[in-house]
Amino acid sequence: MKHEKQNQPASQGDLDEETLFIVSQTFKALSDPTRLRILHLLFHGEYSVNDIAEKLSLMQSTVSHQLRFLKNLRLVKFRREGTSLYYTHDDEHVMDILRQTIEHANHH
């Protein structure tokens, strides 16, 4: 029985307002096709804003806006090199959810 409980969600009443907010914002982040494309690209490596815009055929302003949203949720992080910022994903758990969801979608 102990093993079964490890795979179950927390019991009712265990989710405080902050946790609910973070979970809902994470799913909000994953519900946008542009953000999904950016996260999927960052799953495979580190890219500058310009690289992301070029690879995904998006405007640089669109990429910057979406990266700011993802950074605020701590789903991406960046490092500065000169005047350029290079982004990577910053949450293995969320990337696992993304990978599993993509695999699930590809089985249908």
PDB file of N, CA and C in Angstrom:
ATOM      1  N   MET A   1       0.816  -1.187   0.000  1.00  0.00           N
ATOM      2  CA  MET A   1       0.000   0.000   0.000  1.00  0.00           C
ATOM      3  C   MET A   1       0.862   1.254   0.000  1.00  0.00           C
ATOM      4  N   LYS A   2       1.996   1.230   0.646  1.00  0.00           N
ATOM      5  CA  LYS A   2       2.835   2.405   0.714  1.00  0.00           C
ATOM      6  C   LYS A   2       3.256   2.852  -0.681  1.00  0.00           C
ATOM      7  N   HIS A   3       3.576   1.911  -1.567  1.00  0.00           N
ATOM      8  CA  HIS A   3       3.998   2.239  -2.919  1.00  0.00           C
ATOM      9  C   HIS A   3       2.882   2.936  -3.691  1.00  0.00           C
ATOM     10  N   GLU A   4       1.644   2.530  -3.502  1.00  0.00           N
ATOM     11  CA  GLU A   4       0.516   3.140  -4.207  1.00  0.00           C
ATOM     12  C   GLU A   4       0.387   4.621  -3.863  1.00  0.00           C
ATOM     13  N   LYS A   5       0.603   4.979  -2.621  1.00  0.00           N
ATOM     14  CA  LYS A   5       0.441   6.362  -2.198  1.00  0.00           C
ATOM     15  C   LYS A   5       1.478   7.272  -2.857  1.00  0.00           C
ATOM     16  N   GLN A   6       2.655   6.763  -3.181  1.00  0.00           N
ATOM     17  CA  GLN A   6       3.684   7.599  -3.792  1.00  0.00           C
ATOM     18  C   GLN A   6       3.257   8.106  -5.163  1.00  0.00           C
ATOM     19  N   ASN A   7       2.419   7.378  -5.881  1.00  0.00           N
ATOM     20  CA  ASN A   7       2.008   7.758  -7.217  1.00  0.00           C
ATOM     21  C   ASN A   7       0.705   8.542  -7.233  1.00  0.00           C
ATOM     22  N   GLN A   8       0.108   8.762  -6.084  1.00  0.00           N
ATOM     23  CA  GLN A   8      -1.150   9.481  -6.016  1.00  0.00           C
ATOM     24  C   GLN A   8      -0.899  10.955  -5.752  1.00  0.00           C
ATOM     25  N   PRO A   9      -1.814  11.819  -6.248  1.00  0.00           N
ATOM     26  CA  PRO A   9      -1.671  13.240  -5.946  1.00  0.00           C
ATOM     27  C   PRO A   9      -1.859  13.496  -4.460  1.00  0.00           C
ATOM     28  N   ALA A  10      -1.436  14.674  -4.020  1.00  0.00           N
ATOM     29  CA  ALA A  10      -1.614  15.048  -2.621  1.00  0.00           C
ATOM     30  C   ALA A  10      -3.095  14.996  -2.261  1.00  0.00           C
ATOM     31  N   SER A  11      -3.371  14.682  -1.008  1.00  0.00           N
ATOM     32  CA  SER A  11      -4.763  14.579  -0.586  1.00  0.00           C
ATOM     33  C   SER A  11      -5.440  15.938  -0.652  1.00  0.00           C
ATOM     34  N   GLN A  12      -6.756  15.923  -0.664  1.00  0.00           N
ATOM     35  CA  GLN A  12      -7.519  17.168  -0.729  1.00  0.00           C
ATOM     36  C   GLN A  12      -7.128  18.073   0.423  1.00  0.00           C
ATOM     37  N   GLY A  13      -7.070  19.365   0.128  1.00  0.00           N
ATOM     38  CA  GLY A  13      -6.719  20.318   1.161  1.00  0.00           C
ATOM     39  C   GLY A  13      -5.233  20.578   1.275  1.00  0.00           C
ATOM     40  N   ASP A  14      -4.408  19.815   0.574  1.00  0.00           N
ATOM     41  CA  ASP A  14      -2.963  19.991   0.676  1.00  0.00           C
ATOM     42  C   ASP A  14      -2.426  21.106  -0.213  1.00  0.00           C
ATOM     43  N   LEU A  15      -3.206  21.583  -1.164  1.00  0.00           N
ATOM     44  CA  LEU A  15      -2.717  22.600  -2.092  1.00  0.00           C
ATOM     45  C   LEU A  15      -3.043  23.990  -1.569  1.00  0.00           C
ATOM     46  N   ASP A  16      -2.000  24.724  -1.215  1.00  0.00           N
ATOM     47  CA  ASP A  16      -2.225  26.095  -0.762  1.00  0.00           C
ATOM     48  C   ASP A  16      -2.359  27.011  -1.978  1.00  0.00           C
ATOM     49  N   GLU A  17      -2.712  28.255  -1.741  1.00  0.00           N
ATOM     50  CA  GLU A  17      -2.964  29.198  -2.829  1.00  0.00           C
ATOM     51  C   GLU A  17      -1.728  29.412  -3.696  1.00  0.00           C
ATOM     52  N   GLU A  18      -0.566  29.488  -3.091  1.00  0.00           N
ATOM     53  CA  GLU A  18       0.659  29.700  -3.862  1.00  0.00           C
ATOM     54  C   GLU A  18       0.933  28.526  -4.798  1.00  0.00           C
ATOM     55  N   THR A  19       0.759  27.304  -4.283  1.00  0.00           N
ATOM     56  CA  THR A  19       0.967  26.114  -5.111  1.00  0.00           C
ATOM     57  C   THR A  19      -0.029  26.088  -6.255  1.00  0.00           C
ATOM     58  N   LEU A  20      -1.284  26.355  -5.968  1.00  0.00           N
ATOM     59  CA  LEU A  20      -2.309  26.391  -7.014  1.00  0.00           C
ATOM     60  C   LEU A  20      -1.950  27.410  -8.094  1.00  0.00           C
ATOM     61  N   PHE A  21      -1.487  28.570  -7.670  1.00  0.00           N
ATOM     62  CA  PHE A  21      -1.132  29.617  -8.625  1.00  0.00           C
ATOM     63  C   PHE A  21       0.033  29.166  -9.508  1.00  0.00           C
ATOM     64  N   ILE A  22       1.078  28.603  -8.902  1.00  0.00           N
ATOM     65  CA  ILE A  22       2.246  28.165  -9.666  1.00  0.00           C
ATOM     66  C   ILE A  22       1.867  27.069 -10.659  1.00  0.00           C
ATOM     67  N   VAL A  23       1.073  26.103 -10.211  1.00  0.00           N
ATOM     68  CA  VAL A  23       0.654  25.013 -11.095  1.00  0.00           C
ATOM     69  C   VAL A  23      -0.177  25.563 -12.257  1.00  0.00           C
ATOM     70  N   SER A  24      -1.113  26.437 -11.960  1.00  0.00           N
ATOM     71  CA  SER A  24      -1.967  26.983 -13.026  1.00  0.00           C
ATOM     72  C   SER A  24      -1.152  27.820 -14.008  1.00  0.00           C
ATOM     73  N   GLN A  25      -0.178  28.584 -13.516  1.00  0.00           N
ATOM     74  CA  GLN A  25       0.671  29.377 -14.404  1.00  0.00           C
ATOM     75  C   GLN A  25       1.568  28.485 -15.262  1.00  0.00           C
ATOM     76  N   THR A  26       2.025  27.374 -14.707  1.00  0.00           N
ATOM     77  CA  THR A  26       2.837  26.437 -15.482  1.00  0.00           C
ATOM     78  C   THR A  26       2.018  25.846 -16.620  1.00  0.00           C
ATOM     79  N   PHE A  27       0.786  25.437 -16.321  1.00  0.00           N
ATOM     80  CA  PHE A  27      -0.068  24.913 -17.390  1.00  0.00           C
ATOM     81  C   PHE A  27      -0.437  26.005 -18.387  1.00  0.00           C
ATOM     82  N   LYS A  28      -0.593  27.232 -17.924  1.00  0.00           N
ATOM     83  CA  LYS A  28      -0.837  28.347 -18.835  1.00  0.00           C
ATOM     84  C   LYS A  28       0.343  28.495 -19.785  1.00  0.00           C
ATOM     85  N   ALA A  29       1.558  28.398 -19.251  1.00  0.00           N
ATOM     86  CA  ALA A  29       2.760  28.505 -20.085  1.00  0.00           C
ATOM     87  C   ALA A  29       2.787  27.404 -21.140  1.00  0.00           C
ATOM     88  N   LEU A  30       2.369  26.220 -20.756  1.00  0.00           N
ATOM     89  CA  LEU A  30       2.405  25.079 -21.666  1.00  0.00           C
ATOM     90  C   LEU A  30       1.208  25.040 -22.611  1.00  0.00           C
ATOM     91  N   SER A  31       0.261  25.944 -22.422  1.00  0.00           N
ATOM     92  CA  SER A  31      -0.934  25.933 -23.273  1.00  0.00           C
ATOM     93  C   SER A  31      -0.785  26.819 -24.506  1.00  0.00           C
ATOM     94  N   ASP A  32       0.322  27.541 -24.604  1.00  0.00           N
ATOM     95  CA  ASP A  32       0.526  28.455 -25.730  1.00  0.00           C
ATOM     96  C   ASP A  32       1.449  27.814 -26.770  1.00  0.00           C
ATOM     97  N   PRO A  33       1.002  27.715 -28.029  1.00  0.00           N
ATOM     98  CA  PRO A  33       1.832  27.056 -29.059  1.00  0.00           C
ATOM     99  C   PRO A  33       3.206  27.693 -29.248  1.00  0.00           C
ATOM    100  N   THR A  34       3.293  29.011 -29.181  1.00  0.00           N
ATOM    101  CA  THR A  34       4.594  29.668 -29.358  1.00  0.00           C
ATOM    102  C   THR A  34       5.534  29.315 -28.221  1.00  0.00           C
ATOM    103  N   ARG A  35       5.030  29.350 -26.997  1.00  0.00           N
ATOM    104  CA  ARG A  35       5.875  28.988 -25.856  1.00  0.00           C
ATOM    105  C   ARG A  35       6.282  27.527 -25.924  1.00  0.00           C
ATOM    106  N   LEU A  36       5.386  26.662 -26.374  1.00  0.00           N
ATOM    107  CA  LEU A  36       5.734  25.247 -26.539  1.00  0.00           C
ATOM    108  C   LEU A  36       6.858  25.075 -27.555  1.00  0.00           C
ATOM    109  N   ARG A  37       6.776  25.797 -28.653  1.00  0.00           N
ATOM    110  CA  ARG A  37       7.820  25.704 -29.677  1.00  0.00           C
ATOM    111  C   ARG A  37       9.158  26.163 -29.115  1.00  0.00           C
ATOM    112  N   ILE A  38       9.145  27.261 -28.344  1.00  0.00           N
ATOM    113  CA  ILE A  38      10.380  27.774 -27.750  1.00  0.00           C
ATOM    114  C   ILE A  38      10.951  26.776 -26.747  1.00  0.00           C
ATOM    115  N   LEU A  39      10.108  26.265 -25.861  1.00  0.00           N
ATOM    116  CA  LEU A  39      10.582  25.286 -24.869  1.00  0.00           C
ATOM    117  C   LEU A  39      11.122  24.031 -25.539  1.00  0.00           C
ATOM    118  N   HIS A  40      10.432  23.578 -26.578  1.00  0.00           N
ATOM    119  CA  HIS A  40      10.884  22.381 -27.293  1.00  0.00           C
ATOM    120  C   HIS A  40      12.259  22.619 -27.911  1.00  0.00           C
ATOM    121  N   LEU A  41      12.464  23.795 -28.486  1.00  0.00           N
ATOM    122  CA  LEU A  41      13.771  24.125 -29.044  1.00  0.00           C
ATOM    123  C   LEU A  41      14.831  24.166 -27.941  1.00  0.00           C
ATOM    124  N   LEU A  42      14.508  24.799 -26.823  1.00  0.00           N
ATOM    125  CA  LEU A  42      15.472  24.921 -25.722  1.00  0.00           C
ATOM    126  C   LEU A  42      15.747  23.586 -25.048  1.00  0.00           C
ATOM    127  N   PHE A  43      14.847  22.627 -25.227  1.00  0.00           N
ATOM    128  CA  PHE A  43      15.080  21.278 -24.720  1.00  0.00           C
ATOM    129  C   PHE A  43      16.336  20.689 -25.370  1.00  0.00           C
ATOM    130  N   HIS A  44      16.616  21.129 -26.588  1.00  0.00           N
ATOM    131  CA  HIS A  44      17.720  20.561 -27.365  1.00  0.00           C
ATOM    132  C   HIS A  44      18.998  21.386 -27.310  1.00  0.00           C
ATOM    133  N   GLY A  45      18.977  22.530 -26.615  1.00  0.00           N
ATOM    134  CA  GLY A  45      20.204  23.302 -26.534  1.00  0.00           C
ATOM    135  C   GLY A  45      19.987  24.731 -26.089  1.00  0.00           C
ATOM    136  N   GLU A  46      21.054  25.492 -26.182  1.00  0.00           N
ATOM    137  CA  GLU A  46      21.079  26.886 -25.753  1.00  0.00           C
ATOM    138  C   GLU A  46      21.038  27.771 -26.995  1.00  0.00           C
ATOM    139  N   TYR A  47      20.169  28.801 -26.956  1.00  0.00           N
ATOM    140  CA  TYR A  47      19.996  29.669 -28.116  1.00  0.00           C
ATOM    141  C   TYR A  47      19.842  31.116 -27.687  1.00  0.00           C
ATOM    142  N   SER A  48      20.319  32.020 -28.531  1.00  0.00           N
ATOM    143  CA  SER A  48      20.081  33.442 -28.318  1.00  0.00           C
ATOM    144  C   SER A  48      18.668  33.775 -28.807  1.00  0.00           C
ATOM    145  N   VAL A  49      18.193  34.960 -28.451  1.00  0.00           N
ATOM    146  CA  VAL A  49      16.880  35.410 -28.916  1.00  0.00           C
ATOM    147  C   VAL A  49      16.846  35.404 -30.442  1.00  0.00           C
ATOM    148  N   ASN A  50      17.902  35.910 -31.065  1.00  0.00           N
ATOM    149  CA  ASN A  50      17.946  35.945 -32.529  1.00  0.00           C
ATOM    150  C   ASN A  50      17.915  34.542 -33.130  1.00  0.00           C
ATOM    151  N   ASP A  51      18.653  33.619 -32.522  1.00  0.00           N
ATOM    152  CA  ASP A  51      18.658  32.232 -33.008  1.00  0.00           C
ATOM    153  C   ASP A  51      17.263  31.614 -32.913  1.00  0.00           C
ATOM    154  N   ILE A  52      16.601  31.844 -31.788  1.00  0.00           N
ATOM    155  CA  ILE A  52      15.250  31.297 -31.596  1.00  0.00           C
ATOM    156  C   ILE A  52      14.316  31.887 -32.641  1.00  0.00           C
ATOM    157  N   ALA A  53      14.376  33.206 -32.821  1.00  0.00           N
ATOM    158  CA  ALA A  53      13.504  33.871 -33.790  1.00  0.00           C
ATOM    159  C   ALA A  53      13.738  33.312 -35.193  1.00  0.00           C
ATOM    160  N   GLU A  54      14.992  33.136 -35.554  1.00  0.00           N
ATOM    161  CA  GLU A  54      15.311  32.622 -36.883  1.00  0.00           C
ATOM    162  C   GLU A  54      14.854  31.184 -37.065  1.00  0.00           C
ATOM    163  N   LYS A  55      15.180  30.328 -36.098  1.00  0.00           N
ATOM    164  CA  LYS A  55      14.849  28.902 -36.222  1.00  0.00           C
ATOM    165  C   LYS A  55      13.345  28.650 -36.233  1.00  0.00           C
ATOM    166  N   LEU A  56      12.589  29.479 -35.508  1.00  0.00           N
ATOM    167  CA  LEU A  56      11.145  29.264 -35.405  1.00  0.00           C
ATOM    168  C   LEU A  56      10.333  30.220 -36.285  1.00  0.00           C
ATOM    169  N   SER A  57      11.033  31.017 -37.099  1.00  0.00           N
ATOM    170  CA  SER A  57      10.377  32.003 -37.978  1.00  0.00           C
ATOM    171  C   SER A  57       9.421  32.904 -37.208  1.00  0.00           C
ATOM    172  N   LEU A  58       9.938  33.478 -36.125  1.00  0.00           N
ATOM    173  CA  LEU A  58       9.159  34.385 -35.290  1.00  0.00           C
ATOM    174  C   LEU A  58       9.849  35.738 -35.251  1.00  0.00           C
ATOM    175  N   MET A  59       9.085  36.761 -34.913  1.00  0.00           N
ATOM    176  CA  MET A  59       9.671  38.082 -34.732  1.00  0.00           C
ATOM    177  C   MET A  59      10.454  38.094 -33.419  1.00  0.00           C
ATOM    178  N   GLN A  60      11.551  38.832 -33.403  1.00  0.00           N
ATOM    179  CA  GLN A  60      12.380  38.910 -32.198  1.00  0.00           C
ATOM    180  C   GLN A  60      11.576  39.437 -31.015  1.00  0.00           C
ATOM    181  N   SER A  61      10.695  40.390 -31.239  1.00  0.00           N
ATOM    182  CA  SER A  61       9.886  40.943 -30.145  1.00  0.00           C
ATOM    183  C   SER A  61       8.951  39.884 -29.561  1.00  0.00           C
ATOM    184  N   THR A  62       8.425  39.016 -30.414  1.00  0.00           N
ATOM    185  CA  THR A  62       7.562  37.924 -29.948  1.00  0.00           C
ATOM    186  C   THR A  62       8.347  36.968 -29.071  1.00  0.00           C
ATOM    187  N   VAL A  63       9.541  36.607 -29.522  1.00  0.00           N
ATOM    188  CA  VAL A  63      10.399  35.693 -28.766  1.00  0.00           C
ATOM    189  C   VAL A  63      10.760  36.310 -27.413  1.00  0.00           C
ATOM    190  N   SER A  64      11.153  37.572 -27.422  1.00  0.00           N
ATOM    191  CA  SER A  64      11.524  38.249 -26.174  1.00  0.00           C
ATOM    192  C   SER A  64      10.365  38.277 -25.190  1.00  0.00           C
ATOM    193  N   HIS A  65       9.186  38.587 -25.692  1.00  0.00           N
ATOM    194  CA  HIS A  65       7.994  38.622 -24.838  1.00  0.00           C
ATOM    195  C   HIS A  65       7.723  37.249 -24.211  1.00  0.00           C
ATOM    196  N   GLN A  66       7.769  36.202 -25.011  1.00  0.00           N
ATOM    197  CA  GLN A  66       7.488  34.854 -24.514  1.00  0.00           C
ATOM    198  C   GLN A  66       8.583  34.380 -23.560  1.00  0.00           C
ATOM    199  N   LEU A  67       9.832  34.714 -23.853  1.00  0.00           N
ATOM    200  CA  LEU A  67      10.926  34.333 -22.956  1.00  0.00           C
ATOM    201  C   LEU A  67      10.788  35.025 -21.601  1.00  0.00           C
ATOM    202  N   ARG A  68      10.346  36.257 -21.599  1.00  0.00           N
ATOM    203  CA  ARG A  68      10.133  36.976 -20.334  1.00  0.00           C
ATOM    204  C   ARG A  68       9.071  36.255 -19.498  1.00  0.00           C
ATOM    205  N   PHE A  69       7.978  35.829 -20.149  1.00  0.00           N
ATOM    206  CA  PHE A  69       6.930  35.074 -19.467  1.00  0.00           C
ATOM    207  C   PHE A  69       7.501  33.785 -18.879  1.00  0.00           C
ATOM    208  N   LEU A  70       8.260  33.049 -19.681  1.00  0.00           N
ATOM    209  CA  LEU A  70       8.833  31.778 -19.236  1.00  0.00           C
ATOM    210  C   LEU A  70       9.888  31.976 -18.149  1.00  0.00           C
ATOM    211  N   LYS A  71      10.650  33.057 -18.249  1.00  0.00           N
ATOM    212  CA  LYS A  71      11.676  33.350 -17.235  1.00  0.00           C
ATOM    213  C   LYS A  71      11.032  33.682 -15.898  1.00  0.00           C
ATOM    214  N   ASN A  72       9.931  34.435 -15.933  1.00  0.00           N
ATOM    215  CA  ASN A  72       9.231  34.782 -14.692  1.00  0.00           C
ATOM    216  C   ASN A  72       8.707  33.548 -13.970  1.00  0.00           C
ATOM    217  N   LEU A  73       8.423  32.492 -14.704  1.00  0.00           N
ATOM    218  CA  LEU A  73       7.975  31.233 -14.111  1.00  0.00           C
ATOM    219  C   LEU A  73       9.141  30.294 -13.804  1.00  0.00           C
ATOM    220  N   ARG A  74      10.349  30.756 -14.073  1.00  0.00           N
ATOM    221  CA  ARG A  74      11.571  29.965 -13.883  1.00  0.00           C
ATOM    222  C   ARG A  74      11.591  28.702 -14.735  1.00  0.00           C
ATOM    223  N   LEU A  75      11.002  28.807 -15.928  1.00  0.00           N
ATOM    224  CA  LEU A  75      11.033  27.679 -16.860  1.00  0.00           C
ATOM    225  C   LEU A  75      12.211  27.786 -17.810  1.00  0.00           C
ATOM    226  N   VAL A  76      12.757  28.995 -17.950  1.00  0.00           N
ATOM    227  CA  VAL A  76      13.981  29.199 -18.728  1.00  0.00           C
ATOM    228  C   VAL A  76      14.923  30.066 -17.910  1.00  0.00           C
ATOM    229  N   LYS A  77      16.194  29.964 -18.249  1.00  0.00           N
ATOM    230  CA  LYS A  77      17.215  30.809 -17.632  1.00  0.00           C
ATOM    231  C   LYS A  77      18.123  31.301 -18.747  1.00  0.00           C
ATOM    232  N   PHE A  78      18.937  32.297 -18.432  1.00  0.00           N
ATOM    233  CA  PHE A  78      19.827  32.826 -19.449  1.00  0.00           C
ATOM    234  C   PHE A  78      21.193  33.121 -18.865  1.00  0.00           C
ATOM    235  N   ARG A  79      22.135  33.239 -19.773  1.00  0.00           N
ATOM    236  CA  ARG A  79      23.466  33.710 -19.420  1.00  0.00           C
ATOM    237  C   ARG A  79      23.821  34.797 -20.431  1.00  0.00           C
ATOM    238  N   ARG A  80      24.587  35.750 -19.954  1.00  0.00           N
ATOM    239  CA  ARG A  80      24.987  36.864 -20.809  1.00  0.00           C
ATOM    240  C   ARG A  80      26.391  36.610 -21.345  1.00  0.00           C
ATOM    241  N   GLU A  81      26.553  36.843 -22.635  1.00  0.00           N
ATOM    242  CA  GLU A  81      27.871  36.780 -23.269  1.00  0.00           C
ATOM    243  C   GLU A  81      28.002  38.032 -24.121  1.00  0.00           C
ATOM    244  N   GLY A  82      28.751  39.000 -23.620  1.00  0.00           N
ATOM    245  CA  GLY A  82      28.830  40.295 -24.303  1.00  0.00           C
ATOM    246  C   GLY A  82      27.475  40.975 -24.236  1.00  0.00           C
ATOM    247  N   THR A  83      26.935  41.305 -25.398  1.00  0.00           N
ATOM    248  CA  THR A  83      25.617  41.944 -25.430  1.00  0.00           C
ATOM    249  C   THR A  83      24.495  40.945 -25.708  1.00  0.00           C
ATOM    250  N   SER A  84      24.841  39.681 -25.879  1.00  0.00           N
ATOM    251  CA  SER A  84      23.840  38.659 -26.198  1.00  0.00           C
ATOM    252  C   SER A  84      23.432  37.863 -24.965  1.00  0.00           C
ATOM    253  N   LEU A  85      22.172  37.465 -24.945  1.00  0.00           N
ATOM    254  CA  LEU A  85      21.654  36.573 -23.909  1.00  0.00           C
ATOM    255  C   LEU A  85      21.400  35.216 -24.547  1.00  0.00           C
ATOM    256  N   TYR A  86      21.836  34.165 -23.870  1.00  0.00           N
ATOM    257  CA  TYR A  86      21.637  32.805 -24.358  1.00  0.00           C
ATOM    258  C   TYR A  86      20.731  32.071 -23.378  1.00  0.00           C
ATOM    259  N   TYR A  87      19.652  31.516 -23.903  1.00  0.00           N
ATOM    260  CA  TYR A  87      18.620  30.893 -23.080  1.00  0.00           C
ATOM    261  C   TYR A  87      18.688  29.377 -23.135  1.00  0.00           C
ATOM    262  N   THR A  88      18.364  28.759 -22.000  1.00  0.00           N
ATOM    263  CA  THR A  88      18.197  27.309 -21.891  1.00  0.00           C
ATOM    264  C   THR A  88      16.987  27.057 -21.000  1.00  0.00           C
ATOM    265  N   HIS A  89      16.510  25.831 -21.000  1.00  0.00           N
ATOM    266  CA  HIS A  89      15.406  25.504 -20.093  1.00  0.00           C
ATOM    267  C   HIS A  89      15.938  25.446 -18.676  1.00  0.00           C
ATOM    268  N   ASP A  90      15.042  25.619 -17.702  1.00  0.00           N
ATOM    269  CA  ASP A  90      15.493  25.713 -16.308  1.00  0.00           C
ATOM    270  C   ASP A  90      14.674  24.837 -15.367  1.00  0.00           C
ATOM    271  N   ASP A  91      13.905  23.903 -15.905  1.00  0.00           N
ATOM    272  CA  ASP A  91      13.083  23.069 -15.027  1.00  0.00           C
ATOM    273  C   ASP A  91      12.909  21.694 -15.646  1.00  0.00           C
ATOM    274  N   GLU A  92      13.680  20.740 -15.149  1.00  0.00           N
ATOM    275  CA  GLU A  92      13.640  19.375 -15.692  1.00  0.00           C
ATOM    276  C   GLU A  92      12.258  18.746 -15.552  1.00  0.00           C
ATOM    277  N   HIS A  93      11.563  19.055 -14.458  1.00  0.00           N
ATOM    278  CA  HIS A  93      10.233  18.473 -14.257  1.00  0.00           C
ATOM    279  C   HIS A  93       9.271  18.905 -15.360  1.00  0.00           C
ATOM    280  N   VAL A  94       9.269  20.187 -15.666  1.00  0.00           N
ATOM    281  CA  VAL A  94       8.375  20.696 -16.710  1.00  0.00           C
ATOM    282  C   VAL A  94       8.802  20.154 -18.068  1.00  0.00           C
ATOM    283  N   MET A  95      10.095  20.042 -18.296  1.00  0.00           N
ATOM    284  CA  MET A  95      10.555  19.493 -19.568  1.00  0.00           C
ATOM    285  C   MET A  95      10.163  18.023 -19.697  1.00  0.00           C
ATOM    286  N   ASP A  96      10.153  17.294 -18.589  1.00  0.00           N
ATOM    287  CA  ASP A  96       9.675  15.906 -18.609  1.00  0.00           C
ATOM    288  C   ASP A  96       8.196  15.857 -18.970  1.00  0.00           C
ATOM    289  N   ILE A  97       7.407  16.761 -18.403  1.00  0.00           N
ATOM    290  CA  ILE A  97       5.975  16.826 -18.734  1.00  0.00           C
ATOM    291  C   ILE A  97       5.809  17.120 -20.223  1.00  0.00           C
ATOM    292  N   LEU A  98       6.578  18.070 -20.725  1.00  0.00           N
ATOM    293  CA  LEU A  98       6.510  18.418 -22.148  1.00  0.00           C
ATOM    294  C   LEU A  98       6.886  17.226 -23.018  1.00  0.00           C
ATOM    295  N   ARG A  99       7.979  16.572 -22.689  1.00  0.00           N
ATOM    296  CA  ARG A  99       8.421  15.408 -23.471  1.00  0.00           C
ATOM    297  C   ARG A  99       7.370  14.308 -23.458  1.00  0.00           C
ATOM    298  N   GLN A 100       6.834  14.003 -22.278  1.00  0.00           N
ATOM    299  CA  GLN A 100       5.823  12.954 -22.163  1.00  0.00           C
ATOM    300  C   GLN A 100       4.549  13.314 -22.923  1.00  0.00           C
ATOM    301  N   THR A 101       4.173  14.577 -22.892  1.00  0.00           N
ATOM    302  CA  THR A 101       2.966  15.002 -23.595  1.00  0.00           C
ATOM    303  C   THR A 101       3.155  14.910 -25.103  1.00  0.00           C
ATOM    304  N   ILE A 102       4.340  15.282 -25.580  1.00  0.00           N
ATOM    305  CA  ILE A 102       4.639  15.149 -27.005  1.00  0.00           C
ATOM    306  C   ILE A 102       4.604  13.674 -27.409  1.00  0.00           C
ATOM    307  N   GLU A 103       5.214  12.813 -26.597  1.00  0.00           N
ATOM    308  CA  GLU A 103       5.175  11.371 -26.882  1.00  0.00           C
ATOM    309  C   GLU A 103       3.739  10.866 -26.900  1.00  0.00           C
ATOM    310  N   HIS A 104       2.943  11.307 -25.960  1.00  0.00           N
ATOM    311  CA  HIS A 104       1.533  10.912 -25.893  1.00  0.00           C
ATOM    312  C   HIS A 104       0.808  11.351 -27.171  1.00  0.00           C
ATOM    313  N   ALA A 105       1.024  12.593 -27.601  1.00  0.00           N
ATOM    314  CA  ALA A 105       0.361  13.112 -28.798  1.00  0.00           C
ATOM    315  C   ALA A 105       0.798  12.350 -30.038  1.00  0.00           C
ATOM    316  N   ASN A 106       2.054  11.927 -30.083  1.00  0.00           N
ATOM    317  CA  ASN A 106       2.554  11.200 -31.258  1.00  0.00           C
ATOM    318  C   ASN A 106       2.034   9.768 -31.338  1.00  0.00           C
ATOM    319  N   HIS A 107       1.463   9.250 -30.260  1.00  0.00           N
ATOM    320  CA  HIS A 107       0.899   7.894 -30.267  1.00  0.00           C
ATOM    321  C   HIS A 107      -0.527   7.864 -30.780  1.00  0.00           C
ATOM    322  N   HIS A 108      -1.104   9.008 -31.011  1.00  0.00           N
ATOM    323  CA  HIS A 108      -2.507   9.057 -31.462  1.00  0.00           C
ATOM    324  C   HIS A 108      -2.594   9.200 -32.950  1.00  0.00           C
TER     325      HIS A 108
END
